[in-house]
């Protein structure tokens, strides 16, 4: 298993208590995942619990370096629509 929490993590503590394999730990400057312990929640949950709760879109990557909580995953708003809305708000 090869999940990775990257530097955009803000140490909010949302993911750590949800991890069924206790693979997430506090490190400096952000949380990390012990890949020897991580099961990607296989056998416990249909979705990875850390990514399902993480409030920072794109902070958790799979083994291919792809965000498993990509932009738009929390809001349901596609990134291009969000950019359009933000541009409209800033133009006011």
PDB file of N, CA and C in Angstrom:
ATOM      1  N   UNK A   1       0.837  -1.167   0.000  1.00  0.00           N
ATOM      2  CA  UNK A   1       0.000   0.000   0.000  1.00  0.00           C
ATOM      3  C   UNK A   1       0.889   1.239   0.000  1.00  0.00           C
ATOM      4  N   UNK A   2       0.436   2.254  -0.698  1.00  0.00           N
ATOM      5  CA  UNK A   2       1.319   3.405  -0.840  1.00  0.00           C
ATOM      6  C   UNK A   2       0.568   4.731  -0.841  1.00  0.00           C
ATOM      7  N   UNK A   3      -0.232   4.977   0.182  1.00  0.00           N
ATOM      8  CA  UNK A   3      -0.856   6.288   0.302  1.00  0.00           C
ATOM      9  C   UNK A   3       0.155   7.248   0.897  1.00  0.00           C
ATOM     10  N   UNK A   4      -0.004   8.522   0.574  1.00  0.00           N
ATOM     11  CA  UNK A   4       0.941   9.524   1.031  1.00  0.00           C
ATOM     12  C   UNK A   4       0.188  10.808   1.344  1.00  0.00           C
ATOM     13  N   UNK A   5       0.439  11.386   2.498  1.00  0.00           N
ATOM     14  CA  UNK A   5      -0.096  12.701   2.842  1.00  0.00           C
ATOM     15  C   UNK A   5       0.995  13.703   2.513  1.00  0.00           C
ATOM     16  N   UNK A   6       0.639  14.730   1.733  1.00  0.00           N
ATOM     17  CA  UNK A   6       1.659  15.697   1.305  1.00  0.00           C
ATOM     18  C   UNK A   6       1.613  16.986   2.123  1.00  0.00           C
ATOM     19  N   UNK A   7       2.514  17.897   1.818  1.00  0.00           N
ATOM     20  CA  UNK A   7       2.733  19.105   2.614  1.00  0.00           C
ATOM     21  C   UNK A   7       1.553  20.061   2.682  1.00  0.00           C
ATOM     22  N   UNK A   8       0.521  19.875   1.890  1.00  0.00           N
ATOM     23  CA  UNK A   8      -0.650  20.747   2.011  1.00  0.00           C
ATOM     24  C   UNK A   8      -1.497  20.391   3.231  1.00  0.00           C
ATOM     25  N   UNK A   9      -1.204  19.277   3.870  1.00  0.00           N
ATOM     26  CA  UNK A   9      -1.876  18.867   5.111  1.00  0.00           C
ATOM     27  C   UNK A   9      -1.710  19.977   6.154  1.00  0.00           C
ATOM     28  N   UNK A  10      -2.800  20.277   6.862  1.00  0.00           N
ATOM     29  CA  UNK A  10      -2.772  21.330   7.870  1.00  0.00           C
ATOM     30  C   UNK A  10      -2.827  20.790   9.300  1.00  0.00           C
ATOM     31  N   UNK A  11      -2.601  19.485   9.461  1.00  0.00           N
ATOM     32  CA  UNK A  11      -2.612  18.853  10.789  1.00  0.00           C
ATOM     33  C   UNK A  11      -3.914  19.114  11.532  1.00  0.00           C
ATOM     34  N   UNK A  12      -5.025  18.895  10.863  1.00  0.00           N
ATOM     35  CA  UNK A  12      -6.332  19.161  11.485  1.00  0.00           C
ATOM     36  C   UNK A  12      -6.798  18.021  12.383  1.00  0.00           C
ATOM     37  N   UNK A  13      -6.166  16.877  12.323  1.00  0.00           N
ATOM     38  CA  UNK A  13      -6.484  15.699  13.124  1.00  0.00           C
ATOM     39  C   UNK A  13      -7.758  14.979  12.685  1.00  0.00           C
ATOM     40  N   UNK A  14      -8.330  15.307  11.542  1.00  0.00           N
ATOM     41  CA  UNK A  14      -9.560  14.635  11.106  1.00  0.00           C
ATOM     42  C   UNK A  14      -9.300  13.175  10.749  1.00  0.00           C
ATOM     43  N   UNK A  15      -8.200  12.897  10.088  1.00  0.00           N
ATOM     44  CA  UNK A  15      -7.931  11.557   9.578  1.00  0.00           C
ATOM     45  C   UNK A  15      -7.400  10.574  10.615  1.00  0.00           C
ATOM     46  N   UNK A  16      -6.585  11.035  11.510  1.00  0.00           N
ATOM     47  CA  UNK A  16      -5.863  10.141  12.426  1.00  0.00           C
ATOM     48  C   UNK A  16      -6.773   9.210  13.216  1.00  0.00           C
ATOM     49  N   UNK A  17      -7.843   9.695  13.849  1.00  0.00           N
ATOM     50  CA  UNK A  17      -8.670   8.767  14.629  1.00  0.00           C
ATOM     51  C   UNK A  17      -9.530   7.820  13.789  1.00  0.00           C
ATOM     52  N   UNK A  18      -9.696   8.114  12.494  1.00  0.00           N
ATOM     53  CA  UNK A  18     -10.519   7.262  11.626  1.00  0.00           C
ATOM     54  C   UNK A  18      -9.767   6.084  11.030  1.00  0.00           C
ATOM     55  N   UNK A  19      -8.463   6.112  11.060  1.00  0.00           N
ATOM     56  CA  UNK A  19      -7.662   5.082  10.400  1.00  0.00           C
ATOM     57  C   UNK A  19      -7.808   3.743  11.134  1.00  0.00           C
ATOM     58  N   UNK A  20      -8.408   2.738  10.464  1.00  0.00           N
ATOM     59  CA  UNK A  20      -8.623   1.452  11.135  1.00  0.00           C
ATOM     60  C   UNK A  20      -7.334   0.681  11.418  1.00  0.00           C
ATOM     61  N   UNK A  21      -6.276   1.003  10.691  1.00  0.00           N
ATOM     62  CA  UNK A  21      -5.010   0.286  10.907  1.00  0.00           C
ATOM     63  C   UNK A  21      -4.000   1.115  11.700  1.00  0.00           C
ATOM     64  N   UNK A  22      -4.420   2.267  12.184  1.00  0.00           N
ATOM     65  CA  UNK A  22      -3.567   3.162  12.972  1.00  0.00           C
ATOM     66  C   UNK A  22      -2.248   3.462  12.257  1.00  0.00           C
ATOM     67  N   UNK A  23      -2.363   3.717  10.950  1.00  0.00           N
ATOM     68  CA  UNK A  23      -1.180   3.979  10.132  1.00  0.00           C
ATOM     69  C   UNK A  23      -0.827   5.458  10.040  1.00  0.00           C
ATOM     70  N   UNK A  24      -1.719   6.336  10.485  1.00  0.00           N
ATOM     71  CA  UNK A  24      -1.476   7.778  10.373  1.00  0.00           C
ATOM     72  C   UNK A  24      -0.866   8.272  11.674  1.00  0.00           C
ATOM     73  N   UNK A  25       0.197   9.050  11.541  1.00  0.00           N
ATOM     74  CA  UNK A  25       0.861   9.574  12.731  1.00  0.00           C
ATOM     75  C   UNK A  25       1.282  11.018  12.508  1.00  0.00           C
ATOM     76  N   UNK A  26       1.402  11.734  13.623  1.00  0.00           N
ATOM     77  CA  UNK A  26       1.801  13.136  13.561  1.00  0.00           C
ATOM     78  C   UNK A  26       3.301  13.224  13.358  1.00  0.00           C
ATOM     79  N   UNK A  27       3.687  14.034  12.413  1.00  0.00           N
ATOM     80  CA  UNK A  27       5.100  14.274  12.134  1.00  0.00           C
ATOM     81  C   UNK A  27       5.257  15.754  11.826  1.00  0.00           C
ATOM     82  N   UNK A  28       6.456  16.188  11.675  1.00  0.00           N
ATOM     83  CA  UNK A  28       6.706  17.580  11.302  1.00  0.00           C
ATOM     84  C   UNK A  28       7.020  17.627   9.833  1.00  0.00           C
ATOM     85  N   UNK A  29       6.463  18.496   9.067  1.00  0.00           N
ATOM     86  CA  UNK A  29       5.495  19.538   9.435  1.00  0.00           C
ATOM     87  C   UNK A  29       4.048  19.104   9.256  1.00  0.00           C
ATOM     88  N   UNK A  30       3.783  17.857   8.853  1.00  0.00           N
ATOM     89  CA  UNK A  30       2.402  17.416   8.635  1.00  0.00           C
ATOM     90  C   UNK A  30       2.271  15.936   8.965  1.00  0.00           C
ATOM     91  N   UNK A  31       1.030  15.445   8.969  1.00  0.00           N
ATOM     92  CA  UNK A  31       0.799  14.027   9.234  1.00  0.00           C
ATOM     93  C   UNK A  31       1.426  13.162   8.137  1.00  0.00           C
ATOM     94  N   UNK A  32       1.716  11.940   8.500  1.00  0.00           N
ATOM     95  CA  UNK A  32       2.314  10.988   7.573  1.00  0.00           C
ATOM     96  C   UNK A  32       1.542   9.669   7.680  1.00  0.00           C
ATOM     97  N   UNK A  33       1.758   8.788   6.692  1.00  0.00           N
ATOM     98  CA  UNK A  33       1.151   7.463   6.700  1.00  0.00           C
ATOM     99  C   UNK A  33       2.260   6.427   6.716  1.00  0.00           C
ATOM    100  N   UNK A  34       2.192   5.509   7.676  1.00  0.00           N
ATOM    101  CA  UNK A  34       3.139   4.402   7.757  1.00  0.00           C
ATOM    102  C   UNK A  34       2.665   3.352   6.756  1.00  0.00           C
ATOM    103  N   UNK A  35       3.361   3.250   5.636  1.00  0.00           N
ATOM    104  CA  UNK A  35       2.931   2.343   4.573  1.00  0.00           C
ATOM    105  C   UNK A  35       3.039   0.873   4.949  1.00  0.00           C
ATOM    106  N   UNK A  36       3.772   0.563   5.991  1.00  0.00           N
ATOM    107  CA  UNK A  36       3.830  -0.828   6.460  1.00  0.00           C
ATOM    108  C   UNK A  36       2.545  -1.216   7.180  1.00  0.00           C
ATOM    109  N   UNK A  37       1.837  -0.225   7.724  1.00  0.00           N
ATOM    110  CA  UNK A  37       0.586  -0.478   8.433  1.00  0.00           C
ATOM    111  C   UNK A  37      -0.645  -0.229   7.568  1.00  0.00           C
ATOM    112  N   UNK A  38      -0.550   0.686   6.611  1.00  0.00           N
ATOM    113  CA  UNK A  38      -1.709   1.103   5.819  1.00  0.00           C
ATOM    114  C   UNK A  38      -2.245  -0.027   4.952  1.00  0.00           C
ATOM    115  N   UNK A  39      -3.544  -0.229   5.038  1.00  0.00           N
ATOM    116  CA  UNK A  39      -4.221  -1.241   4.218  1.00  0.00           C
ATOM    117  C   UNK A  39      -5.114  -0.588   3.168  1.00  0.00           C
ATOM    118  N   UNK A  40      -5.106   0.747   3.105  1.00  0.00           N
ATOM    119  CA  UNK A  40      -6.007   1.529   2.262  1.00  0.00           C
ATOM    120  C   UNK A  40      -7.458   1.175   2.577  1.00  0.00           C
ATOM    121  N   UNK A  41      -7.684   0.755   3.802  1.00  0.00           N
ATOM    122  CA  UNK A  41      -9.003   0.398   4.348  1.00  0.00           C
ATOM    123  C   UNK A  41      -9.632  -0.821   3.685  1.00  0.00           C
ATOM    124  N   UNK A  42      -8.858  -1.565   2.901  1.00  0.00           N
ATOM    125  CA  UNK A  42      -9.383  -2.781   2.276  1.00  0.00           C
ATOM    126  C   UNK A  42      -9.805  -3.761   3.350  1.00  0.00           C
ATOM    127  N   UNK A  43     -10.999  -4.294   3.192  1.00  0.00           N
ATOM    128  CA  UNK A  43     -11.538  -5.227   4.161  1.00  0.00           C
ATOM    129  C   UNK A  43     -12.265  -4.567   5.314  1.00  0.00           C
ATOM    130  N   UNK A  44     -12.079  -3.256   5.472  1.00  0.00           N
ATOM    131  CA  UNK A  44     -12.761  -2.527   6.539  1.00  0.00           C
ATOM    132  C   UNK A  44     -13.831  -1.582   5.990  1.00  0.00           C
ATOM    133  N   UNK A  45     -13.482  -0.842   4.923  1.00  0.00           N
ATOM    134  CA  UNK A  45     -14.384   0.161   4.349  1.00  0.00           C
ATOM    135  C   UNK A  45     -14.268   0.155   2.834  1.00  0.00           C
ATOM    136  N   UNK A  46     -15.317   0.607   2.168  1.00  0.00           N
ATOM    137  CA  UNK A  46     -15.306   0.690   0.704  1.00  0.00           C
ATOM    138  C   UNK A  46     -14.401   1.817   0.227  1.00  0.00           C
ATOM    139  N   UNK A  47     -14.323   2.898   1.000  1.00  0.00           N
ATOM    140  CA  UNK A  47     -13.488   4.052   0.650  1.00  0.00           C
ATOM    141  C   UNK A  47     -12.418   4.257   1.708  1.00  0.00           C
ATOM    142  N   UNK A  48     -11.301   4.818   1.289  1.00  0.00           N
ATOM    143  CA  UNK A  48     -10.255   5.132   2.268  1.00  0.00           C
ATOM    144  C   UNK A  48     -10.783   6.209   3.207  1.00  0.00           C
ATOM    145  N   UNK A  49     -10.715   5.935   4.481  1.00  0.00           N
ATOM    146  CA  UNK A  49     -11.283   6.828   5.475  1.00  0.00           C
ATOM    147  C   UNK A  49     -10.541   8.155   5.568  1.00  0.00           C
ATOM    148  N   UNK A  50      -9.231   8.144   5.419  1.00  0.00           N
ATOM    149  CA  UNK A  50      -8.469   9.394   5.518  1.00  0.00           C
ATOM    150  C   UNK A  50      -8.884  10.369   4.415  1.00  0.00           C
ATOM    151  N   UNK A  51      -9.019   9.871   3.199  1.00  0.00           N
ATOM    152  CA  UNK A  51      -9.392  10.740   2.078  1.00  0.00           C
ATOM    153  C   UNK A  51     -10.845  11.175   2.171  1.00  0.00           C
ATOM    154  N   UNK A  52     -11.697  10.321   2.731  1.00  0.00           N
ATOM    155  CA  UNK A  52     -13.111  10.667   2.801  1.00  0.00           C
ATOM    156  C   UNK A  52     -13.383  11.797   3.786  1.00  0.00           C
ATOM    157  N   UNK A  53     -12.502  12.000   4.762  1.00  0.00           N
ATOM    158  CA  UNK A  53     -12.712  13.034   5.780  1.00  0.00           C
ATOM    159  C   UNK A  53     -11.785  14.234   5.597  1.00  0.00           C
ATOM    160  N   UNK A  54     -10.732  14.097   4.834  1.00  0.00           N
ATOM    161  CA  UNK A  54      -9.734  15.161   4.704  1.00  0.00           C
ATOM    162  C   UNK A  54     -10.343  16.438   4.117  1.00  0.00           C
ATOM    163  N   UNK A  55     -10.245  17.564   4.840  1.00  0.00           N
ATOM    164  CA  UNK A  55     -10.815  18.816   4.339  1.00  0.00           C
ATOM    165  C   UNK A  55      -9.925  19.533   3.322  1.00  0.00           C
ATOM    166  N   UNK A  56      -8.737  19.006   3.089  1.00  0.00           N
ATOM    167  CA  UNK A  56      -7.808  19.634   2.147  1.00  0.00           C
ATOM    168  C   UNK A  56      -7.765  18.795   0.879  1.00  0.00           C
ATOM    169  N   UNK A  57      -8.481  19.244  -0.131  1.00  0.00           N
ATOM    170  CA  UNK A  57      -8.534  18.492  -1.392  1.00  0.00           C
ATOM    171  C   UNK A  57      -7.129  18.375  -1.991  1.00  0.00           C
ATOM    172  N   UNK A  58      -6.793  17.172  -2.401  1.00  0.00           N
ATOM    173  CA  UNK A  58      -5.491  16.925  -3.016  1.00  0.00           C
ATOM    174  C   UNK A  58      -4.370  16.640  -2.042  1.00  0.00           C
ATOM    175  N   UNK A  59      -4.648  16.531  -0.758  1.00  0.00           N
ATOM    176  CA  UNK A  59      -3.592  16.330   0.239  1.00  0.00           C
ATOM    177  C   UNK A  59      -3.186  14.875   0.415  1.00  0.00           C
ATOM    178  N   UNK A  60      -3.993  13.942  -0.089  1.00  0.00           N
ATOM    179  CA  UNK A  60      -3.676  12.524   0.069  1.00  0.00           C
ATOM    180  C   UNK A  60      -3.555  11.903  -1.315  1.00  0.00           C
ATOM    181  N   UNK A  61      -2.397  11.298  -1.556  1.00  0.00           N
ATOM    182  CA  UNK A  61      -2.100  10.733  -2.871  1.00  0.00           C
ATOM    183  C   UNK A  61      -2.050   9.217  -2.818  1.00  0.00           C
ATOM    184  N   UNK A  62      -2.406   8.594  -3.945  1.00  0.00           N
ATOM    185  CA  UNK A  62      -2.273   7.137  -4.049  1.00  0.00           C
ATOM    186  C   UNK A  62      -0.858   6.800  -4.513  1.00  0.00           C
ATOM    187  N   UNK A  63      -0.588   5.542  -4.761  1.00  0.00           N
ATOM    188  CA  UNK A  63       0.738   5.097  -5.178  1.00  0.00           C
ATOM    189  C   UNK A  63       1.195   5.639  -6.517  1.00  0.00           C
ATOM    190  N   UNK A  64       0.261   6.146  -7.313  1.00  0.00           N
ATOM    191  CA  UNK A  64       0.597   6.729  -8.620  1.00  0.00           C
ATOM    192  C   UNK A  64       0.803   8.239  -8.530  1.00  0.00           C
ATOM    193  N   UNK A  65       0.698   8.791  -7.310  1.00  0.00           N
ATOM    194  CA  UNK A  65       0.852  10.229  -7.121  1.00  0.00           C
ATOM    195  C   UNK A  65      -0.398  11.021  -7.474  1.00  0.00           C
ATOM    196  N   UNK A  66      -1.529  10.336  -7.599  1.00  0.00           N
ATOM    197  CA  UNK A  66      -2.797  10.992  -7.925  1.00  0.00           C
ATOM    198  C   UNK A  66      -3.576  11.262  -6.638  1.00  0.00           C
ATOM    199  N   UNK A  67      -4.206  12.429  -6.576  1.00  0.00           N
ATOM    200  CA  UNK A  67      -5.006  12.774  -5.406  1.00  0.00           C
ATOM    201  C   UNK A  67      -6.210  11.849  -5.311  1.00  0.00           C
ATOM    202  N   UNK A  68      -6.401  11.243  -4.144  1.00  0.00           N
ATOM    203  CA  UNK A  68      -7.580  10.400  -3.973  1.00  0.00           C
ATOM    204  C   UNK A  68      -8.734  11.208  -3.386  1.00  0.00           C
ATOM    205  N   UNK A  69      -8.479  12.467  -3.082  1.00  0.00           N
ATOM    206  CA  UNK A  69      -9.535  13.424  -2.730  1.00  0.00           C
ATOM    207  C   UNK A  69      -9.285  14.675  -3.591  1.00  0.00           C
ATOM    208  N   UNK A  70      -9.533  14.552  -4.892  1.00  0.00           N
ATOM    209  CA  UNK A  70      -9.170  15.617  -5.841  1.00  0.00           C
ATOM    210  C   UNK A  70     -10.010  16.875  -5.693  1.00  0.00           C
ATOM    211  N   UNK A  71      -9.553  17.980  -6.300  1.00  0.00           N
ATOM    212  CA  UNK A  71     -10.339  19.216  -6.270  1.00  0.00           C
ATOM    213  C   UNK A  71     -11.763  18.953  -6.735  1.00  0.00           C
ATOM    214  N   UNK A  72     -12.714  19.491  -5.991  1.00  0.00           N
ATOM    215  CA  UNK A  72     -14.120  19.292  -6.289  1.00  0.00           C
ATOM    216  C   UNK A  72     -14.737  18.139  -5.538  1.00  0.00           C
ATOM    217  N   UNK A  73     -13.914  17.298  -4.916  1.00  0.00           N
ATOM    218  CA  UNK A  73     -14.451  16.115  -4.240  1.00  0.00           C
ATOM    219  C   UNK A  73     -15.252  16.466  -2.991  1.00  0.00           C
ATOM    220  N   UNK A  74     -14.908  17.539  -2.332  1.00  0.00           N
ATOM    221  CA  UNK A  74     -15.642  17.920  -1.128  1.00  0.00           C
ATOM    222  C   UNK A  74     -16.843  18.801  -1.443  1.00  0.00           C
ATOM    223  N   UNK A  75     -16.688  19.675  -2.392  1.00  0.00           N
ATOM    224  CA  UNK A  75     -17.761  20.616  -2.710  1.00  0.00           C
ATOM    225  C   UNK A  75     -18.711  20.082  -3.763  1.00  0.00           C
ATOM    226  N   UNK A  76     -18.240  19.149  -4.578  1.00  0.00           N
ATOM    227  CA  UNK A  76     -19.047  18.664  -5.684  1.00  0.00           C
ATOM    228  C   UNK A  76     -19.036  19.629  -6.860  1.00  0.00           C
ATOM    229  N   UNK A  77     -18.224  20.675  -6.744  1.00  0.00           N
ATOM    230  CA  UNK A  77     -18.135  21.678  -7.809  1.00  0.00           C
ATOM    231  C   UNK A  77     -16.889  21.390  -8.638  1.00  0.00           C
ATOM    232  N   UNK A  78     -17.032  21.161  -9.939  1.00  0.00           N
ATOM    233  CA  UNK A  78     -15.857  20.928 -10.777  1.00  0.00           C
ATOM    234  C   UNK A  78     -14.909  22.123 -10.697  1.00  0.00           C
ATOM    235  N   UNK A  79     -13.589  21.878 -10.715  1.00  0.00           N
ATOM    236  CA  UNK A  79     -12.619  22.966 -10.583  1.00  0.00           C
ATOM    237  C   UNK A  79     -12.841  24.128 -11.546  1.00  0.00           C
ATOM    238  N   UNK A  80     -13.203  23.847 -12.804  1.00  0.00           N
ATOM    239  CA  UNK A  80     -13.378  24.960 -13.745  1.00  0.00           C
ATOM    240  C   UNK A  80     -14.583  25.819 -13.368  1.00  0.00           C
ATOM    241  N   UNK A  81     -15.629  25.214 -12.831  1.00  0.00           N
ATOM    242  CA  UNK A  81     -16.797  25.982 -12.375  1.00  0.00           C
ATOM    243  C   UNK A  81     -16.440  26.815 -11.148  1.00  0.00           C
ATOM    244  N   UNK A  82     -15.625  26.265 -10.262  1.00  0.00           N
ATOM    245  CA  UNK A  82     -15.189  27.000  -9.084  1.00  0.00           C
ATOM    246  C   UNK A  82     -14.358  28.206  -9.494  1.00  0.00           C
ATOM    247  N   UNK A  83     -13.479  28.026 -10.473  1.00  0.00           N
ATOM    248  CA  UNK A  83     -12.653  29.148 -10.939  1.00  0.00           C
ATOM    249  C   UNK A  83     -13.531  30.244 -11.549  1.00  0.00           C
ATOM    250  N   UNK A  84     -14.537  29.858 -12.326  1.00  0.00           N
ATOM    251  CA  UNK A  84     -15.454  30.833 -12.918  1.00  0.00           C
ATOM    252  C   UNK A  84     -16.198  31.609 -11.825  1.00  0.00           C
ATOM    253  N   UNK A  85     -16.674  30.901 -10.822  1.00  0.00           N
ATOM    254  CA  UNK A  85     -17.408  31.548  -9.738  1.00  0.00           C
ATOM    255  C   UNK A  85     -16.506  32.491  -8.948  1.00  0.00           C
ATOM    256  N   UNK A  86     -15.295  32.056  -8.674  1.00  0.00           N
ATOM    257  CA  UNK A  86     -14.356  32.900  -7.935  1.00  0.00           C
ATOM    258  C   UNK A  86     -13.998  34.156  -8.741  1.00  0.00           C
ATOM    259  N   UNK A  87     -13.827  34.011 -10.042  1.00  0.00           N
ATOM    260  CA  UNK A  87     -13.518  35.166 -10.891  1.00  0.00           C
ATOM    261  C   UNK A  87     -14.687  36.149 -10.886  1.00  0.00           C
ATOM    262  N   UNK A  88     -15.890  35.629 -10.916  1.00  0.00           N
ATOM    263  CA  UNK A  88     -17.075  36.501 -10.881  1.00  0.00           C
ATOM    264  C   UNK A  88     -17.155  37.252  -9.542  1.00  0.00           C
ATOM    265  N   UNK A  89     -16.891  36.541  -8.456  1.00  0.00           N
ATOM    266  CA  UNK A  89     -16.935  37.166  -7.131  1.00  0.00           C
ATOM    267  C   UNK A  89     -15.865  38.262  -7.014  1.00  0.00           C
ATOM    268  N   UNK A  90     -14.674  37.970  -7.493  1.00  0.00           N
ATOM    269  CA  UNK A  90     -13.580  38.945  -7.412  1.00  0.00           C
ATOM    270  C   UNK A  90     -13.822  40.152  -8.305  1.00  0.00           C
ATOM    271  N   UNK A  91     -14.590  39.988  -9.375  1.00  0.00           N
ATOM    272  CA  UNK A  91     -14.875  41.084 -10.294  1.00  0.00           C
ATOM    273  C   UNK A  91     -15.888  42.057  -9.714  1.00  0.00           C
ATOM    274  N   UNK A  92     -16.583  41.685  -8.671  1.00  0.00           N
ATOM    275  CA  UNK A  92     -17.613  42.556  -8.069  1.00  0.00           C
ATOM    276  C   UNK A  92     -17.016  43.712  -7.344  1.00  0.00           C
TER     277      UNK A  92
END
